[in-house]
N, C-alpha and C. Protein backbone atom coordinates (compact mmCIF):
# COMPACT_ATOMS: atom_id res chain seq x y z
N UNK A 1 1.23 -1.03 0.03
CA UNK A 1 0.08 0.32 0.03
C UNK A 1 0.55 1.44 -0.27
N UNK A 2 0.83 2.25 -0.72
CA UNK A 2 1.40 3.59 -0.23
C UNK A 2 0.70 4.09 0.22
N UNK A 3 2.31 4.73 0.63
CA UNK A 3 1.77 5.23 1.62
C UNK A 3 0.48 6.53 1.82
N UNK A 4 0.45 7.43 0.75
CA UNK A 4 -0.64 8.78 0.75
C UNK A 4 -1.67 8.36 0.72
N UNK A 5 -2.42 6.55 0.00
CA UNK A 5 -2.87 6.20 0.33
C UNK A 5 -3.55 5.56 2.03
N UNK A 6 -2.47 4.93 2.77
CA UNK A 6 -2.74 4.68 4.39
C UNK A 6 -2.97 5.98 4.87
N UNK A 7 -2.00 6.75 4.74
CA UNK A 7 -2.44 8.64 5.63
C UNK A 7 -3.74 8.18 5.30
N UNK A 8 -4.60 8.81 4.18
CA UNK A 8 -5.66 8.59 3.74
C UNK A 8 -6.60 8.09 4.50
N UNK A 9 -6.58 6.71 4.60
CA UNK A 9 -7.28 5.72 5.42
C UNK A 9 -7.27 5.77 7.14
N UNK A 10 -6.13 6.71 7.50
CA UNK A 10 -5.45 6.74 8.21
C UNK A 10 -6.52 7.76 8.97
N UNK A 11 -6.47 8.79 8.41
CA UNK A 11 -7.12 9.92 8.79
C UNK A 11 -8.31 10.01 8.99
N UNK A 12 -8.91 8.95 7.72
CA UNK A 12 -10.29 8.87 7.78
C UNK A 12 -10.77 8.07 8.82
N UNK A 13 -9.83 7.29 9.66
CA UNK A 13 -10.58 6.22 10.96
C UNK A 13 -10.04 7.26 11.76
N UNK A 14 -9.12 7.64 11.95
CA UNK A 14 -9.16 9.03 13.61
C UNK A 14 -10.30 9.52 13.46
N UNK A 15 -10.61 10.44 11.84
CA UNK A 15 -11.23 11.17 12.43
C UNK A 15 -12.74 10.70 12.60
N UNK A 16 -13.21 9.62 11.53
CA UNK A 16 -14.41 9.02 12.52
C UNK A 16 -14.87 8.65 14.12
N UNK A 17 -13.13 7.72 14.42
CA UNK A 17 -13.30 7.47 15.28
C UNK A 17 -13.37 9.13 16.22
N UNK A 18 -12.68 9.50 16.12
CA UNK A 18 -12.61 11.37 17.14
C UNK A 18 -14.57 12.14 17.20
N UNK A 19 -14.92 11.58 15.65
CA UNK A 19 -16.60 12.02 15.95
C UNK A 19 -17.48 11.41 17.10
N UNK A 20 -17.34 9.80 16.57
CA UNK A 20 -17.62 9.10 17.05
C UNK A 20 -18.20 9.63 18.85
N UNK A 21 -16.71 9.79 19.40
CA UNK A 21 -16.29 10.44 21.05
C UNK A 21 -16.71 11.03 21.46
N UNK A 22 -16.89 12.06 20.36
CA UNK A 22 -17.07 13.88 20.26
C UNK A 22 -19.03 14.44 20.52
N UNK A 23 -19.94 13.46 19.36
CA UNK A 23 -20.87 13.90 19.26
C UNK A 23 -22.22 13.62 20.26
N UNK A 24 -21.56 12.87 21.19
CA UNK A 24 -22.74 12.73 22.45
C UNK A 24 -22.03 13.41 23.46
N UNK A 25 -20.73 14.50 23.78
CA UNK A 25 -20.47 15.34 24.32
C UNK A 25 -21.18 16.70 24.10
N UNK A 26 -21.24 16.85 22.58
CA UNK A 26 -21.68 18.23 22.33
C UNK A 26 -23.14 18.14 21.83
N UNK A 27 -23.67 16.89 21.64
CA UNK A 27 -25.31 16.31 21.26
C UNK A 27 -26.28 16.42 22.81
N UNK A 28 -25.52 16.31 23.47
CA UNK A 28 -26.33 15.86 24.83
C UNK A 28 -25.91 16.40 25.35
N UNK A 29 -26.01 18.33 26.61
CA UNK A 29 -25.86 19.02 26.96
C UNK A 29 -26.11 18.89 29.18
N UNK A 30 -26.51 18.43 29.27
CA UNK A 30 -26.99 18.01 30.57
C UNK A 30 -27.72 16.48 30.46
N UNK A 31 -27.45 16.09 32.11
CA UNK A 31 -27.25 14.76 32.65
C UNK A 31 -28.58 14.98 32.63
N UNK A 32 -27.72 12.77 32.13
CA UNK A 32 -29.54 12.20 31.45
C UNK A 32 -30.42 11.91 32.68
N UNK A 33 -31.34 11.85 32.16
CA UNK A 33 -32.46 11.61 33.77
C UNK A 33 -32.98 9.97 33.58
N UNK A 34 -33.89 9.82 32.66
CA UNK A 34 -34.90 8.80 32.48
C UNK A 34 -33.82 7.39 32.26
N UNK A 35 -34.59 6.63 33.41
CA UNK A 35 -33.63 5.83 34.06
C UNK A 35 -33.07 3.90 33.39
N UNK A 36 -34.84 4.17 31.99
CA UNK A 36 -34.32 3.66 30.98
C UNK A 36 -33.20 3.58 30.32
N UNK A 37 -32.68 4.94 29.83
CA UNK A 37 -31.86 5.13 28.78
C UNK A 37 -30.28 4.85 30.08
N UNK A 38 -30.30 5.52 31.18
CA UNK A 38 -29.21 5.79 31.66
C UNK A 38 -29.08 3.56 32.27
N UNK A 39 -29.18 3.24 31.91
CA UNK A 39 -29.58 1.74 32.40
C UNK A 39 -29.23 0.92 31.22
N UNK A 40 -29.83 1.54 30.30
CA UNK A 40 -29.59 1.06 28.69
C UNK A 40 -27.55 1.10 28.09
N UNK A 41 -27.17 2.64 29.31
CA UNK A 41 -25.98 3.56 28.11
C UNK A 41 -24.69 2.47 30.01
N UNK A 42 -25.63 1.98 30.45
CA UNK A 42 -24.25 1.37 31.38
C UNK A 42 -24.48 -0.14 31.13
N UNK A 43 -24.71 -0.79 30.47
CA UNK A 43 -24.37 -2.38 30.36
C UNK A 43 -24.22 -1.90 28.76
N UNK A 44 -23.97 -1.18 28.36
CA UNK A 44 -23.68 -1.23 26.83
C UNK A 44 -22.61 -1.76 26.65
N UNK A 45 -20.59 -1.30 27.46
CA UNK A 45 -19.90 -2.03 27.82
C UNK A 45 -20.20 -3.31 27.78
N UNK A 46 -20.61 -3.91 29.16
CA UNK A 46 -21.02 -5.87 29.01
C UNK A 46 -21.00 -6.03 27.53
N UNK A 47 -22.00 -5.24 27.61
CA UNK A 47 -22.72 -6.11 25.68
C UNK A 47 -21.54 -6.53 25.17
N UNK A 48 -20.58 -5.10 24.38
CA UNK A 48 -20.18 -5.43 22.89
C UNK A 48 -19.03 -6.68 23.56
N UNK A 49 -18.39 -6.86 24.93
CA UNK A 49 -17.62 -6.78 25.45
C UNK A 49 -17.65 -8.55 25.29
N UNK A 50 -19.12 -8.32 25.68
CA UNK A 50 -19.69 -10.24 25.49
C UNK A 50 -19.64 -11.05 24.16
N UNK A 51 -20.64 -9.91 23.22
CA UNK A 51 -20.79 -9.67 21.72
C UNK A 51 -19.24 -10.09 21.06
N UNK A 52 -18.45 -9.61 21.70
CA UNK A 52 -16.40 -10.13 21.20
C UNK A 52 -15.66 -10.95 21.62
N UNK A 53 -16.24 -11.29 22.54
CA UNK A 53 -15.68 -12.15 23.50
C UNK A 53 -16.06 -13.59 23.28
N UNK A 54 -17.19 -14.23 23.34
CA UNK A 54 -17.91 -15.44 23.46
C UNK A 54 -17.07 -16.15 22.31
N UNK A 55 -17.80 -15.33 20.93
CA UNK A 55 -17.24 -16.23 19.65
C UNK A 55 -15.47 -16.41 19.28
N UNK A 56 -14.63 -15.93 20.17
CA UNK A 56 -13.39 -15.60 20.29
C UNK A 56 -13.34 -17.30 21.38
N UNK A 57 -13.88 -17.45 22.04
CA UNK A 57 -13.75 -18.46 23.43
C UNK A 57 -14.05 -19.51 22.52
N UNK A 58 -14.69 -20.25 21.37
CA UNK A 58 -15.41 -20.89 20.87
C UNK A 58 -13.97 -21.53 19.58
N UNK A 59 -13.88 -20.28 19.35
CA UNK A 59 -12.72 -20.49 17.93
C UNK A 59 -11.05 -20.54 18.67
N UNK A 60 -10.88 -20.27 20.33
CA UNK A 60 -9.81 -20.61 20.46
C UNK A 60 -8.92 -22.17 20.98
N UNK A 61 -9.91 -23.16 20.46
CA UNK A 61 -9.50 -24.69 20.99
C UNK A 61 -9.67 -25.28 19.86
N UNK A 62 -9.80 -26.26 19.31
CA UNK A 62 -9.62 -27.48 18.66
C UNK A 62 -11.17 -28.04 18.86
N UNK A 63 -11.68 -28.04 19.63
CA UNK A 63 -13.03 -28.30 19.96
C UNK A 63 -14.25 -28.02 20.00
N UNK A 64 -14.82 -27.55 20.23
CA UNK A 64 -16.23 -26.80 20.43
C UNK A 64 -16.30 -27.18 21.67
N UNK A 65 -16.22 -28.17 22.29
CA UNK A 65 -16.87 -28.53 23.54
C UNK A 65 -15.44 -28.40 24.35
N UNK A 66 -14.22 -27.97 24.65
CA UNK A 66 -13.47 -27.52 25.20
C UNK A 66 -13.79 -26.50 25.69
N UNK A 67 -14.09 -25.62 24.35
CA UNK A 67 -14.52 -24.52 24.89
C UNK A 67 -15.30 -24.41 25.66
N UNK A 68 -16.57 -24.84 25.68
CA UNK A 68 -18.14 -24.64 26.77
C UNK A 68 -17.33 -25.39 27.69
N UNK A 69 -16.68 -26.05 27.65
CA UNK A 69 -16.32 -26.43 29.33
C UNK A 69 -15.75 -25.03 29.85
N UNK A 70 -14.34 -24.82 29.46
CA UNK A 70 -13.58 -23.56 29.99
C UNK A 70 -14.60 -22.49 30.05
N UNK A 71 -15.48 -22.04 29.29
CA UNK A 71 -16.74 -21.24 29.13
C UNK A 71 -17.39 -21.66 30.54
N UNK A 72 -17.86 -22.80 30.74
CA UNK A 72 -18.48 -22.90 32.52
C UNK A 72 -18.30 -22.96 33.28
N UNK A 73 -16.84 -23.56 33.20
CA UNK A 73 -15.92 -22.90 34.35
C UNK A 73 -15.00 -21.52 35.01
N UNK A 74 -15.24 -20.90 33.75
CA UNK A 74 -14.94 -19.88 33.90
C UNK A 74 -15.89 -19.14 34.87
N UNK A 75 -16.73 -19.14 34.21
CA UNK A 75 -18.37 -18.45 34.61
C UNK A 75 -18.68 -19.21 35.89
N UNK A 76 -18.09 -20.11 36.40
CA UNK A 76 -19.03 -20.86 37.59
C UNK A 76 -18.12 -20.47 38.72
N UNK A 77 -15.95 -20.00 38.35
CA UNK A 77 -15.57 -19.62 39.18
C UNK A 77 -15.29 -17.61 39.39
N UNK A 78 -16.39 -16.79 38.44
CA UNK A 78 -16.27 -15.79 38.51
C UNK A 78 -17.60 -16.04 39.74
N UNK A 79 -18.84 -16.38 38.50
CA UNK A 79 -19.72 -16.42 39.88
C UNK A 79 -19.78 -16.80 41.83
N UNK A 80 -18.59 -17.00 41.74
CA UNK A 80 -18.45 -17.54 43.32
C UNK A 80 -17.52 -16.41 43.66
N UNK A 81 -17.19 -15.58 43.23
CA UNK A 81 -16.26 -14.40 43.42
C UNK A 81 -14.54 -14.54 43.34
N UNK A 82 -14.47 -15.39 42.67
CA UNK A 82 -13.02 -15.22 42.84
C UNK A 82 -12.19 -14.42 41.70
N UNK A 83 -10.99 -14.54 41.88
CA UNK A 83 -10.38 -13.32 41.34
C UNK A 83 -10.00 -13.47 39.75
N UNK A 84 -9.40 -12.35 39.07
CA UNK A 84 -8.82 -13.03 37.38
C UNK A 84 -8.11 -13.83 37.21
N UNK A 85 -7.34 -14.38 37.69
CA UNK A 85 -5.78 -14.88 38.13
C UNK A 85 -6.77 -16.33 37.71
N UNK A 86 -7.19 -16.70 39.07
CA UNK A 86 -7.53 -18.68 39.41
C UNK A 86 -9.18 -18.94 38.46
N UNK A 87 -9.58 -17.79 37.89
CA UNK A 87 -11.11 -17.58 37.28
C UNK A 87 -10.10 -18.32 35.91
N UNK A 88 -9.25 -17.25 34.88
CA UNK A 88 -8.49 -18.24 33.83
C UNK A 88 -7.76 -19.29 33.95
N UNK A 89 -7.40 -19.53 35.01
CA UNK A 89 -6.24 -20.53 35.37
C UNK A 89 -7.33 -21.87 35.80
N UNK A 90 -8.48 -22.36 36.42
CA UNK A 90 -9.56 -23.24 36.05
C UNK A 90 -9.63 -22.98 35.17
N UNK A 91 -10.27 -22.07 33.80
CA UNK A 91 -10.68 -22.52 32.86
C UNK A 91 -9.70 -22.71 31.62
N UNK A 92 -8.87 -22.66 31.71
CA UNK A 92 -7.33 -23.21 30.44
C UNK A 92 -7.29 -24.67 31.84
N UNK A 93 -7.22 -25.07 33.00
CA UNK A 93 -6.88 -25.84 33.34
C UNK A 93 -8.53 -27.12 32.80
N UNK A 94 -9.59 -26.38 32.63
CA UNK A 94 -10.79 -27.42 32.05
C UNK A 94 -10.95 -27.60 30.62
N UNK A 95 -9.94 -26.52 29.98
CA UNK A 95 -10.33 -26.55 28.63
C UNK A 95 -8.57 -27.93 28.11
N UNK A 96 -8.39 -27.84 28.76
CA UNK A 96 -6.55 -28.51 28.91
C UNK A 96 -6.93 -30.66 29.38
N UNK A 97 -8.45 -30.66 30.10
CA UNK A 97 -8.17 -31.47 30.78
C UNK A 97 -9.28 -32.34 29.38
N UNK A 98 -10.11 -31.10 29.18
CA UNK A 98 -11.14 -31.88 28.37
C UNK A 98 -10.68 -31.84 26.42
N UNK A 99 -9.80 -31.02 26.33
CA UNK A 99 -9.03 -31.42 24.97
C UNK A 99 -8.35 -32.62 25.33
N UNK A 100 -7.63 -33.02 26.51
CA UNK A 100 -6.47 -34.09 26.65
C UNK A 100 -7.47 -35.47 26.04
N UNK A 101 -8.30 -35.70 26.63
CA UNK A 101 -9.34 -36.67 26.17
C UNK A 101 -9.60 -37.19 24.71
N UNK A 102 -9.78 -35.51 23.77
CA UNK A 102 -10.58 -35.51 23.00
C UNK A 102 -9.74 -36.54 21.59
């Protein structure tokens, strides 16, 4: 790719990213008082993170059953209030054990 084309793409990407982040601050001057809208906006980051993570979990292993075992182990340990390292290790161990016998 030529440098001129790359920099044009880079400027368009930077501009669109900047506008997406700035437009809400310009358009909405006052605090949002609607509880439905506030709760909707509160959960958007979690929904986006989940939508990006779950497909990656199932494509990261050789067998979908191993991925499901790791996901289930991670959810169980997370719901029990364990730390991030414990959840990650438990998930990896679950995937390893299931993939070992496949």
